[in-house]
Amino acid sequence: MFLASTSSYREHRYPVEALSHCVWLHFRFPLSSREVKEPMLQRGMILSYETILRWCRKFGRTHADGLRRRRPRPGDTWHLDKVFIKVDGERKYL
């Protein structure tokens, strides 16, 4: 999970990890702000959905930029679709 600089989180009541996790949940999964509120309640954080929306508006761009920078570039990883193996000394195609 991406954490922005702590200076932008300075004026908020909750820790940086909690804020970051709420924003990440909202953007990573198709969850509304009201649905993000429920897992946070289980962790002992009482939030309103408006608070989560405000955080997403304020920190969403930072998260998106960080994730985009960490995204693998073309040519970084190769995935093999076709595999040849030897079975009983004979070469087979999977």
Protein backbone atom coordinates (compact mmCIF):
# COMPACT_ATOMS: atom_id res chain seq x y z
CA MET A 1 0.00 0.00 0.00
CA PHE A 2 1.28 3.46 -0.87
CA LEU A 3 1.79 6.01 1.90
CA ALA A 4 2.20 9.66 1.01
CA SER A 5 4.43 12.01 2.93
CA THR A 6 3.25 12.46 6.50
CA SER A 7 3.14 16.25 6.21
CA SER A 8 -0.11 16.07 4.21
CA TYR A 9 -1.66 13.88 6.92
CA ARG A 10 -0.59 16.12 9.79
CA GLU A 11 -3.96 17.77 10.57
CA HIS A 12 -5.97 14.55 10.67
CA ARG A 13 -7.21 12.71 13.73
CA TYR A 14 -6.44 9.18 12.55
CA PRO A 15 -3.04 7.60 11.86
CA VAL A 16 -1.52 7.70 8.39
CA GLU A 17 -1.98 3.94 7.91
CA ALA A 18 -5.71 4.13 8.63
CA LEU A 19 -6.27 7.03 6.24
CA SER A 20 -4.23 5.36 3.56
CA HIS A 21 -6.06 2.06 4.00
CA CYS A 22 -9.47 3.73 3.64
CA VAL A 23 -8.45 5.47 0.42
CA TRP A 24 -6.88 2.26 -0.91
CA LEU A 25 -10.03 0.22 -0.17
CA HIS A 26 -12.23 2.80 -1.87
CA PHE A 27 -10.20 2.89 -5.07
CA ARG A 28 -8.84 -0.67 -5.28
CA PHE A 29 -12.15 -2.52 -4.86
CA PRO A 30 -15.58 -1.45 -6.12
CA LEU A 31 -16.61 -0.25 -2.67
CA SER A 32 -18.64 2.82 -1.88
CA SER A 33 -17.60 5.06 0.97
CA ARG A 34 -20.40 3.57 3.08
CA GLU A 35 -19.01 0.09 2.45
CA VAL A 36 -15.50 1.20 3.42
CA LYS A 37 -16.95 2.47 6.70
CA GLU A 38 -17.90 -1.06 7.86
CA PRO A 39 -14.40 -2.65 7.92
CA MET A 40 -13.12 0.46 9.65
CA LEU A 41 -15.83 0.07 12.30
CA GLN A 42 -14.57 -3.47 12.94
CA ARG A 43 -11.13 -1.97 13.58
CA GLY A 44 -12.57 0.47 16.10
CA MET A 45 -12.66 3.58 13.90
CA ILE A 46 -15.96 5.43 13.88
CA LEU A 47 -16.09 7.35 10.59
CA SER A 48 -18.78 8.97 8.51
CA TYR A 49 -18.99 8.26 4.80
CA GLU A 50 -18.47 11.99 4.13
CA THR A 51 -15.10 11.80 5.89
CA ILE A 52 -14.02 8.91 3.68
CA LEU A 53 -15.14 10.80 0.56
CA ARG A 54 -13.20 13.87 1.68
CA TRP A 55 -10.07 11.77 2.23
CA CYS A 56 -10.49 10.15 -1.18
CA ARG A 57 -10.75 13.55 -2.84
CA LYS A 58 -7.73 14.87 -0.96
CA PHE A 59 -5.40 11.84 -1.12
CA GLY A 60 -6.72 9.88 -4.11
CA ARG A 61 -4.44 11.56 -6.65
CA THR A 62 -1.38 10.89 -4.48
CA HIS A 63 -2.27 7.21 -4.26
CA ALA A 64 -2.93 6.93 -7.99
CA ASP A 65 0.41 8.59 -8.83
CA GLY A 66 2.28 6.30 -6.47
CA LEU A 67 0.64 3.17 -7.85
CA ARG A 68 1.27 4.29 -11.41
CA ARG A 69 4.97 4.79 -10.67
CA ARG A 70 5.24 1.31 -9.16
CA ARG A 71 3.35 -0.39 -12.00
CA PRO A 72 5.53 -2.80 -13.99
CA ARG A 73 6.74 -1.42 -17.29
CA PRO A 74 6.53 -3.35 -20.56
CA GLY A 75 9.46 -5.71 -20.80
CA ASP A 76 9.98 -6.00 -17.03
CA THR A 77 8.43 -9.45 -16.71
CA TRP A 78 7.90 -12.27 -19.13
CA HIS A 79 5.06 -14.77 -18.74
CA LEU A 80 5.13 -18.00 -20.70
CA ASP A 81 1.85 -19.15 -22.22
CA LYS A 82 3.21 -22.15 -24.09
CA VAL A 83 5.22 -24.85 -22.37
CA PHE A 84 7.09 -27.86 -23.75
CA ILE A 85 7.85 -30.71 -21.34
CA LYS A 86 9.34 -34.17 -21.70
CA VAL A 87 7.05 -37.11 -20.94
CA ASP A 88 8.57 -40.56 -21.31
CA GLY A 89 11.44 -39.04 -23.26
CA GLU A 90 9.02 -37.47 -25.78
CA ARG A 91 8.60 -33.72 -26.05
CA LYS A 92 4.96 -32.63 -25.36
CA TYR A 93 3.28 -29.27 -25.83
CA LEU A 94 0.99 -27.96 -23.07
